[in-house]
Amino acid sequence: MIGLLVDQKEVKELEYLLKREMDEILFDVGDARIDHIVKRAMEERYQILFRLFKRIADPSECSRYIRSKKVNSKKG
């Protein structure tokens, strides 16, 4: 485990960077042209970023970025 001391200004900058990156991933995941394997990697990265975000952001901010689990059902 690594410890990190940051002041409030740095926390706000980290929040901004994480939000920006998560928003970009959310936008790209909706693109039908991107391959499923790439989207899965993007989802994994999103989860890592979200876990970091949860550590520094207010719970009200976190709720905006919670992803719901989608159940893939195939009709046959």
PDB file of N, CA and C in Angstrom:
ATOM      1  N   MET A   1       0.838  -1.171   0.000  1.00  0.00           N
ATOM      2  CA  MET A   1       0.000   0.000   0.000  1.00  0.00           C
ATOM      3  C   MET A   1       0.888   1.240   0.000  1.00  0.00           C
ATOM      4  N   ILE A   2       0.453   2.256  -0.709  1.00  0.00           N
ATOM      5  CA  ILE A   2       1.197   3.506  -0.801  1.00  0.00           C
ATOM      6  C   ILE A   2       0.361   4.613  -0.180  1.00  0.00           C
ATOM      7  N   GLY A   3       1.000   5.411   0.657  1.00  0.00           N
ATOM      8  CA  GLY A   3       0.328   6.572   1.232  1.00  0.00           C
ATOM      9  C   GLY A   3       0.609   7.807   0.388  1.00  0.00           C
ATOM     10  N   LEU A   4      -0.305   8.758   0.450  1.00  0.00           N
ATOM     11  CA  LEU A   4      -0.155   9.960  -0.355  1.00  0.00           C
ATOM     12  C   LEU A   4      -0.759  11.132   0.407  1.00  0.00           C
ATOM     13  N   LEU A   5       0.030  12.165   0.616  1.00  0.00           N
ATOM     14  CA  LEU A   5      -0.468  13.378   1.256  1.00  0.00           C
ATOM     15  C   LEU A   5      -0.677  14.437   0.188  1.00  0.00           C
ATOM     16  N   VAL A   6      -1.886  14.947   0.115  1.00  0.00           N
ATOM     17  CA  VAL A   6      -2.200  15.993  -0.848  1.00  0.00           C
ATOM     18  C   VAL A   6      -3.013  17.082  -0.155  1.00  0.00           C
ATOM     19  N   ASP A   7      -2.868  18.313  -0.627  1.00  0.00           N
ATOM     20  CA  ASP A   7      -3.675  19.383  -0.053  1.00  0.00           C
ATOM     21  C   ASP A   7      -4.998  19.476  -0.823  1.00  0.00           C
ATOM     22  N   GLN A   8      -5.874  20.358  -0.383  1.00  0.00           N
ATOM     23  CA  GLN A   8      -7.220  20.444  -0.959  1.00  0.00           C
ATOM     24  C   GLN A   8      -7.194  20.832  -2.437  1.00  0.00           C
ATOM     25  N   LYS A   9      -6.282  21.694  -2.814  1.00  0.00           N
ATOM     26  CA  LYS A   9      -6.166  22.098  -4.218  1.00  0.00           C
ATOM     27  C   LYS A   9      -5.771  20.906  -5.091  1.00  0.00           C
ATOM     28  N   GLU A  10      -4.878  20.078  -4.584  1.00  0.00           N
ATOM     29  CA  GLU A  10      -4.461  18.885  -5.332  1.00  0.00           C
ATOM     30  C   GLU A  10      -5.583  17.859  -5.408  1.00  0.00           C
ATOM     31  N   VAL A  11      -6.375  17.755  -4.363  1.00  0.00           N
ATOM     32  CA  VAL A  11      -7.525  16.841  -4.384  1.00  0.00           C
ATOM     33  C   VAL A  11      -8.499  17.269  -5.469  1.00  0.00           C
ATOM     34  N   LYS A  12      -8.771  18.555  -5.559  1.00  0.00           N
ATOM     35  CA  LYS A  12      -9.680  19.059  -6.594  1.00  0.00           C
ATOM     36  C   LYS A  12      -9.130  18.769  -7.997  1.00  0.00           C
ATOM     37  N   GLU A  13      -7.829  18.901  -8.162  1.00  0.00           N
ATOM     38  CA  GLU A  13      -7.212  18.603  -9.455  1.00  0.00           C
ATOM     39  C   GLU A  13      -7.329  17.108  -9.781  1.00  0.00           C
ATOM     40  N   LEU A  14      -7.100  16.259  -8.794  1.00  0.00           N
ATOM     41  CA  LEU A  14      -7.259  14.815  -9.000  1.00  0.00           C
ATOM     42  C   LEU A  14      -8.698  14.473  -9.361  1.00  0.00           C
ATOM     43  N   GLU A  15      -9.656  15.080  -8.653  1.00  0.00           N
ATOM     44  CA  GLU A  15     -11.071  14.859  -8.966  1.00  0.00           C
ATOM     45  C   GLU A  15     -11.360  15.239 -10.408  1.00  0.00           C
ATOM     46  N   TYR A  16     -10.868  16.402 -10.808  1.00  0.00           N
ATOM     47  CA  TYR A  16     -11.100  16.881 -12.174  1.00  0.00           C
ATOM     48  C   TYR A  16     -10.534  15.902 -13.200  1.00  0.00           C
ATOM     49  N   LEU A  17      -9.308  15.462 -12.988  1.00  0.00           N
ATOM     50  CA  LEU A  17      -8.672  14.543 -13.938  1.00  0.00           C
ATOM     51  C   LEU A  17      -9.408  13.205 -14.010  1.00  0.00           C
ATOM     52  N   LEU A  18      -9.798  12.682 -12.857  1.00  0.00           N
ATOM     53  CA  LEU A  18     -10.507  11.409 -12.844  1.00  0.00           C
ATOM     54  C   LEU A  18     -11.879  11.532 -13.505  1.00  0.00           C
ATOM     55  N   LYS A  19     -12.594  12.611 -13.210  1.00  0.00           N
ATOM     56  CA  LYS A  19     -13.907  12.821 -13.838  1.00  0.00           C
ATOM     57  C   LYS A  19     -13.771  12.914 -15.352  1.00  0.00           C
ATOM     58  N   ARG A  20     -12.788  13.666 -15.783  1.00  0.00           N
ATOM     59  CA  ARG A  20     -12.575  13.854 -17.213  1.00  0.00           C
ATOM     60  C   ARG A  20     -12.283  12.526 -17.907  1.00  0.00           C
ATOM     61  N   GLU A  21     -11.433  11.726 -17.304  1.00  0.00           N
ATOM     62  CA  GLU A  21     -11.083  10.431 -17.890  1.00  0.00           C
ATOM     63  C   GLU A  21     -12.277   9.474 -17.875  1.00  0.00           C
ATOM     64  N   MET A  22     -13.028   9.465 -16.776  1.00  0.00           N
ATOM     65  CA  MET A  22     -14.199   8.588 -16.704  1.00  0.00           C
ATOM     66  C   MET A  22     -15.266   9.018 -17.708  1.00  0.00           C
ATOM     67  N   ASP A  23     -15.477  10.321 -17.863  1.00  0.00           N
ATOM     68  CA  ASP A  23     -16.434  10.812 -18.858  1.00  0.00           C
ATOM     69  C   ASP A  23     -16.027  10.394 -20.265  1.00  0.00           C
ATOM     70  N   GLU A  24     -14.751  10.470 -20.548  1.00  0.00           N
ATOM     71  CA  GLU A  24     -14.246  10.069 -21.862  1.00  0.00           C
ATOM     72  C   GLU A  24     -14.498   8.572 -22.107  1.00  0.00           C
ATOM     73  N   ILE A  25     -14.252   7.762 -21.102  1.00  0.00           N
ATOM     74  CA  ILE A  25     -14.494   6.325 -21.240  1.00  0.00           C
ATOM     75  C   ILE A  25     -15.982   6.057 -21.451  1.00  0.00           C
ATOM     76  N   LEU A  26     -16.834   6.722 -20.667  1.00  0.00           N
ATOM     77  CA  LEU A  26     -18.274   6.530 -20.828  1.00  0.00           C
ATOM     78  C   LEU A  26     -18.736   6.907 -22.229  1.00  0.00           C
ATOM     79  N   PHE A  27     -18.176   7.972 -22.767  1.00  0.00           N
ATOM     80  CA  PHE A  27     -18.515   8.384 -24.126  1.00  0.00           C
ATOM     81  C   PHE A  27     -18.076   7.323 -25.134  1.00  0.00           C
ATOM     82  N   ASP A  28     -16.861   6.824 -24.996  1.00  0.00           N
ATOM     83  CA  ASP A  28     -16.325   5.844 -25.943  1.00  0.00           C
ATOM     84  C   ASP A  28     -17.011   4.488 -25.837  1.00  0.00           C
ATOM     85  N   VAL A  29     -17.448   4.101 -24.655  1.00  0.00           N
ATOM     86  CA  VAL A  29     -18.123   2.807 -24.497  1.00  0.00           C
ATOM     87  C   VAL A  29     -19.427   2.786 -25.293  1.00  0.00           C
ATOM     88  N   GLY A  30     -20.041   3.936 -25.467  1.00  0.00           N
ATOM     89  CA  GLY A  30     -21.278   4.014 -26.237  1.00  0.00           C
ATOM     90  C   GLY A  30     -21.078   3.987 -27.742  1.00  0.00           C
ATOM     91  N   ASP A  31     -19.849   4.025 -28.205  1.00  0.00           N
ATOM     92  CA  ASP A  31     -19.548   4.036 -29.636  1.00  0.00           C
ATOM     93  C   ASP A  31     -19.634   2.621 -30.193  1.00  0.00           C
ATOM     94  N   ALA A  32     -20.526   2.414 -31.134  1.00  0.00           N
ATOM     95  CA  ALA A  32     -20.742   1.077 -31.712  1.00  0.00           C
ATOM     96  C   ALA A  32     -19.573   0.608 -32.569  1.00  0.00           C
ATOM     97  N   ARG A  33     -18.719   1.533 -32.989  1.00  0.00           N
ATOM     98  CA  ARG A  33     -17.596   1.166 -33.856  1.00  0.00           C
ATOM     99  C   ARG A  33     -16.443   0.518 -33.091  1.00  0.00           C
ATOM    100  N   ILE A  34     -16.448   0.634 -31.769  1.00  0.00           N
ATOM    101  CA  ILE A  34     -15.348   0.099 -30.963  1.00  0.00           C
ATOM    102  C   ILE A  34     -15.605  -1.377 -30.664  1.00  0.00           C
ATOM    103  N   ASP A  35     -14.585  -2.181 -30.827  1.00  0.00           N
ATOM    104  CA  ASP A  35     -14.664  -3.621 -30.638  1.00  0.00           C
ATOM    105  C   ASP A  35     -15.003  -3.985 -29.192  1.00  0.00           C
ATOM    106  N   HIS A  36     -15.699  -5.103 -29.027  1.00  0.00           N
ATOM    107  CA  HIS A  36     -16.136  -5.566 -27.706  1.00  0.00           C
ATOM    108  C   HIS A  36     -14.953  -5.785 -26.752  1.00  0.00           C
ATOM    109  N   ILE A  37     -13.866  -6.333 -27.251  1.00  0.00           N
ATOM    110  CA  ILE A  37     -12.689  -6.596 -26.407  1.00  0.00           C
ATOM    111  C   ILE A  37     -12.098  -5.281 -25.892  1.00  0.00           C
ATOM    112  N   VAL A  38     -12.063  -4.289 -26.751  1.00  0.00           N
ATOM    113  CA  VAL A  38     -11.553  -2.974 -26.347  1.00  0.00           C
ATOM    114  C   VAL A  38     -12.481  -2.350 -25.313  1.00  0.00           C
ATOM    115  N   LYS A  39     -13.783  -2.498 -25.515  1.00  0.00           N
ATOM    116  CA  LYS A  39     -14.750  -1.961 -24.554  1.00  0.00           C
ATOM    117  C   LYS A  39     -14.608  -2.626 -23.193  1.00  0.00           C
ATOM    118  N   ARG A  40     -14.323  -3.920 -23.184  1.00  0.00           N
ATOM    119  CA  ARG A  40     -14.143  -4.622 -21.914  1.00  0.00           C
ATOM    120  C   ARG A  40     -12.919  -4.071 -21.177  1.00  0.00           C
ATOM    121  N   ALA A  41     -11.854  -3.814 -21.904  1.00  0.00           N
ATOM    122  CA  ALA A  41     -10.653  -3.222 -21.302  1.00  0.00           C
ATOM    123  C   ALA A  41     -10.958  -1.820 -20.771  1.00  0.00           C
ATOM    124  N   MET A  42     -11.760  -1.072 -21.505  1.00  0.00           N
ATOM    125  CA  MET A  42     -12.147   0.263 -21.066  1.00  0.00           C
ATOM    126  C   MET A  42     -12.984   0.193 -19.789  1.00  0.00           C
ATOM    127  N   GLU A  43     -13.873  -0.785 -19.705  1.00  0.00           N
ATOM    128  CA  GLU A  43     -14.688  -0.969 -18.498  1.00  0.00           C
ATOM    129  C   GLU A  43     -13.811  -1.298 -17.292  1.00  0.00           C
ATOM    130  N   GLU A  44     -12.799  -2.139 -17.511  1.00  0.00           N
ATOM    131  CA  GLU A  44     -11.883  -2.479 -16.420  1.00  0.00           C
ATOM    132  C   GLU A  44     -11.129  -1.239 -15.954  1.00  0.00           C
ATOM    133  N   ARG A  45     -10.679  -0.440 -16.895  1.00  0.00           N
ATOM    134  CA  ARG A  45      -9.974   0.795 -16.538  1.00  0.00           C
ATOM    135  C   ARG A  45     -10.910   1.756 -15.804  1.00  0.00           C
ATOM    136  N   TYR A  46     -12.155   1.831 -16.263  1.00  0.00           N
ATOM    137  CA  TYR A  46     -13.138   2.693 -15.614  1.00  0.00           C
ATOM    138  C   TYR A  46     -13.305   2.300 -14.145  1.00  0.00           C
ATOM    139  N   GLN A  47     -13.382   0.997 -13.874  1.00  0.00           N
ATOM    140  CA  GLN A  47     -13.552   0.533 -12.498  1.00  0.00           C
ATOM    141  C   GLN A  47     -12.361   0.927 -11.628  1.00  0.00           C
ATOM    142  N   ILE A  48     -11.169   0.856 -12.163  1.00  0.00           N
ATOM    143  CA  ILE A  48      -9.972   1.270 -11.414  1.00  0.00           C
ATOM    144  C   ILE A  48     -10.036   2.767 -11.113  1.00  0.00           C
ATOM    145  N   LEU A  49     -10.365   3.559 -12.118  1.00  0.00           N
ATOM    146  CA  LEU A  49     -10.465   5.008 -11.921  1.00  0.00           C
ATOM    147  C   LEU A  49     -11.565   5.350 -10.920  1.00  0.00           C
ATOM    148  N   PHE A  50     -12.683   4.643 -11.004  1.00  0.00           N
ATOM    149  CA  PHE A  50     -13.794   4.913 -10.088  1.00  0.00           C
ATOM    150  C   PHE A  50     -13.409   4.589  -8.648  1.00  0.00           C
ATOM    151  N   ARG A  51     -12.671   3.506  -8.441  1.00  0.00           N
ATOM    152  CA  ARG A  51     -12.224   3.177  -7.079  1.00  0.00           C
ATOM    153  C   ARG A  51     -11.324   4.281  -6.529  1.00  0.00           C
ATOM    154  N   LEU A  52     -10.451   4.831  -7.355  1.00  0.00           N
ATOM    155  CA  LEU A  52      -9.623   5.964  -6.931  1.00  0.00           C
ATOM    156  C   LEU A  52     -10.492   7.185  -6.627  1.00  0.00           C
ATOM    157  N   PHE A  53     -11.457   7.438  -7.496  1.00  0.00           N
ATOM    158  CA  PHE A  53     -12.345   8.583  -7.336  1.00  0.00           C
ATOM    159  C   PHE A  53     -13.134   8.507  -6.031  1.00  0.00           C
ATOM    160  N   LYS A  54     -13.606   7.306  -5.688  1.00  0.00           N
ATOM    161  CA  LYS A  54     -14.380   7.127  -4.454  1.00  0.00           C
ATOM    162  C   LYS A  54     -13.588   7.509  -3.216  1.00  0.00           C
ATOM    163  N   ARG A  55     -12.278   7.378  -3.279  1.00  0.00           N
ATOM    164  CA  ARG A  55     -11.443   7.684  -2.115  1.00  0.00           C
ATOM    165  C   ARG A  55     -11.324   9.172  -1.834  1.00  0.00           C
ATOM    166  N   ILE A  56     -11.520  10.010  -2.850  1.00  0.00           N
ATOM    167  CA  ILE A  56     -11.304  11.442  -2.646  1.00  0.00           C
ATOM    168  C   ILE A  56     -12.552  12.291  -2.836  1.00  0.00           C
ATOM    169  N   ALA A  57     -13.578  11.769  -3.488  1.00  0.00           N
ATOM    170  CA  ALA A  57     -14.743  12.582  -3.833  1.00  0.00           C
ATOM    171  C   ALA A  57     -15.865  12.416  -2.811  1.00  0.00           C
ATOM    172  N   ASP A  58     -16.763  13.398  -2.806  1.00  0.00           N
ATOM    173  CA  ASP A  58     -17.961  13.314  -1.970  1.00  0.00           C
ATOM    174  C   ASP A  58     -18.862  12.197  -2.483  1.00  0.00           C
ATOM    175  N   PRO A  59     -19.594  11.544  -1.597  1.00  0.00           N
ATOM    176  CA  PRO A  59     -20.515  10.484  -2.042  1.00  0.00           C
ATOM    177  C   PRO A  59     -21.532  10.959  -3.077  1.00  0.00           C
ATOM    178  N   SER A  60     -21.965  12.197  -2.973  1.00  0.00           N
ATOM    179  CA  SER A  60     -22.924  12.719  -3.955  1.00  0.00           C
ATOM    180  C   SER A  60     -22.313  12.777  -5.353  1.00  0.00           C
ATOM    181  N   GLU A  61     -21.025  13.086  -5.430  1.00  0.00           N
ATOM    182  CA  GLU A  61     -20.329  13.090  -6.716  1.00  0.00           C
ATOM    183  C   GLU A  61     -20.138  11.669  -7.234  1.00  0.00           C
ATOM    184  N   CYS A  62     -19.863  10.752  -6.330  1.00  0.00           N
ATOM    185  CA  CYS A  62     -19.629   9.357  -6.727  1.00  0.00           C
ATOM    186  C   CYS A  62     -20.876   8.734  -7.349  1.00  0.00           C
ATOM    187  N   SER A  63     -22.046   9.085  -6.816  1.00  0.00           N
ATOM    188  CA  SER A  63     -23.275   8.467  -7.305  1.00  0.00           C
ATOM    189  C   SER A  63     -23.506   8.764  -8.788  1.00  0.00           C
ATOM    190  N   ARG A  64     -22.985   9.873  -9.268  1.00  0.00           N
ATOM    191  CA  ARG A  64     -23.134  10.227 -10.681  1.00  0.00           C
ATOM    192  C   ARG A  64     -22.360   9.272 -11.594  1.00  0.00           C
ATOM    193  N   TYR A  65     -21.309   8.673 -11.070  1.00  0.00           N
ATOM    194  CA  TYR A  65     -20.423   7.843 -11.893  1.00  0.00           C
ATOM    195  C   TYR A  65     -20.584   6.335 -11.646  1.00  0.00           C
ATOM    196  N   ILE A  66     -21.565   5.945 -10.839  1.00  0.00           N
ATOM    197  CA  ILE A  66     -21.793   4.519 -10.596  1.00  0.00           C
ATOM    198  C   ILE A  66     -22.351   3.887 -11.863  1.00  0.00           C
ATOM    199  N   ARG A  67     -21.721   2.806 -12.285  1.00  0.00           N
ATOM    200  CA  ARG A  67     -22.166   2.071 -13.475  1.00  0.00           C
ATOM    201  C   ARG A  67     -23.016   0.900 -13.034  1.00  0.00           C
ATOM    202  N   SER A  68     -24.126   0.701 -13.715  1.00  0.00           N
ATOM    203  CA  SER A  68     -24.971  -0.442 -13.398  1.00  0.00           C
ATOM    204  C   SER A  68     -24.464  -1.657 -14.165  1.00  0.00           C
ATOM    205  N   LYS A  69     -24.630  -2.804 -13.562  1.00  0.00           N
ATOM    206  CA  LYS A  69     -24.238  -4.052 -14.227  1.00  0.00           C
ATOM    207  C   LYS A  69     -25.309  -4.390 -15.252  1.00  0.00           C
ATOM    208  N   LYS A  70     -24.890  -4.573 -16.497  1.00  0.00           N
ATOM    209  CA  LYS A  70     -25.821  -4.932 -17.549  1.00  0.00           C
ATOM    210  C   LYS A  70     -25.805  -6.447 -17.725  1.00  0.00           C
ATOM    211  N   VAL A  71     -26.977  -7.005 -17.816  1.00  0.00           N
ATOM    212  CA  VAL A  71     -27.080  -8.443 -18.034  1.00  0.00           C
ATOM    213  C   VAL A  71     -27.290  -8.653 -19.525  1.00  0.00           C
ATOM    214  N   ASN A  72     -26.340  -9.356 -20.128  1.00  0.00           N
ATOM    215  CA  ASN A  72     -26.447  -9.649 -21.560  1.00  0.00           C
ATOM    216  C   ASN A  72     -27.319 -10.879 -21.753  1.00  0.00           C
ATOM    217  N   SER A  73     -28.440 -10.685 -22.374  1.00  0.00           N
ATOM    218  CA  SER A  73     -29.311 -11.827 -22.636  1.00  0.00           C
ATOM    219  C   SER A  73     -29.455 -11.991 -24.139  1.00  0.00           C
ATOM    220  N   LYS A  74     -29.324 -13.212 -24.578  1.00  0.00           N
ATOM    221  CA  LYS A  74     -29.445 -13.507 -25.996  1.00  0.00           C
ATOM    222  C   LYS A  74     -30.767 -14.197 -26.231  1.00  0.00           C
ATOM    223  N   LYS A  75     -31.473 -13.709 -27.234  1.00  0.00           N
ATOM    224  CA  LYS A  75     -32.739 -14.340 -27.600  1.00  0.00           C
ATOM    225  C   LYS A  75     -32.440 -15.466 -28.568  1.00  0.00           C
ATOM    226  N   GLY A  76     -33.053 -16.614 -28.340  1.00  0.00           N
ATOM    227  CA  GLY A  76     -32.736 -17.730 -29.212  1.00  0.00           C
ATOM    228  C   GLY A  76     -33.846 -18.566 -29.578  1.00  0.00           C
TER     229      GLY A  76
END
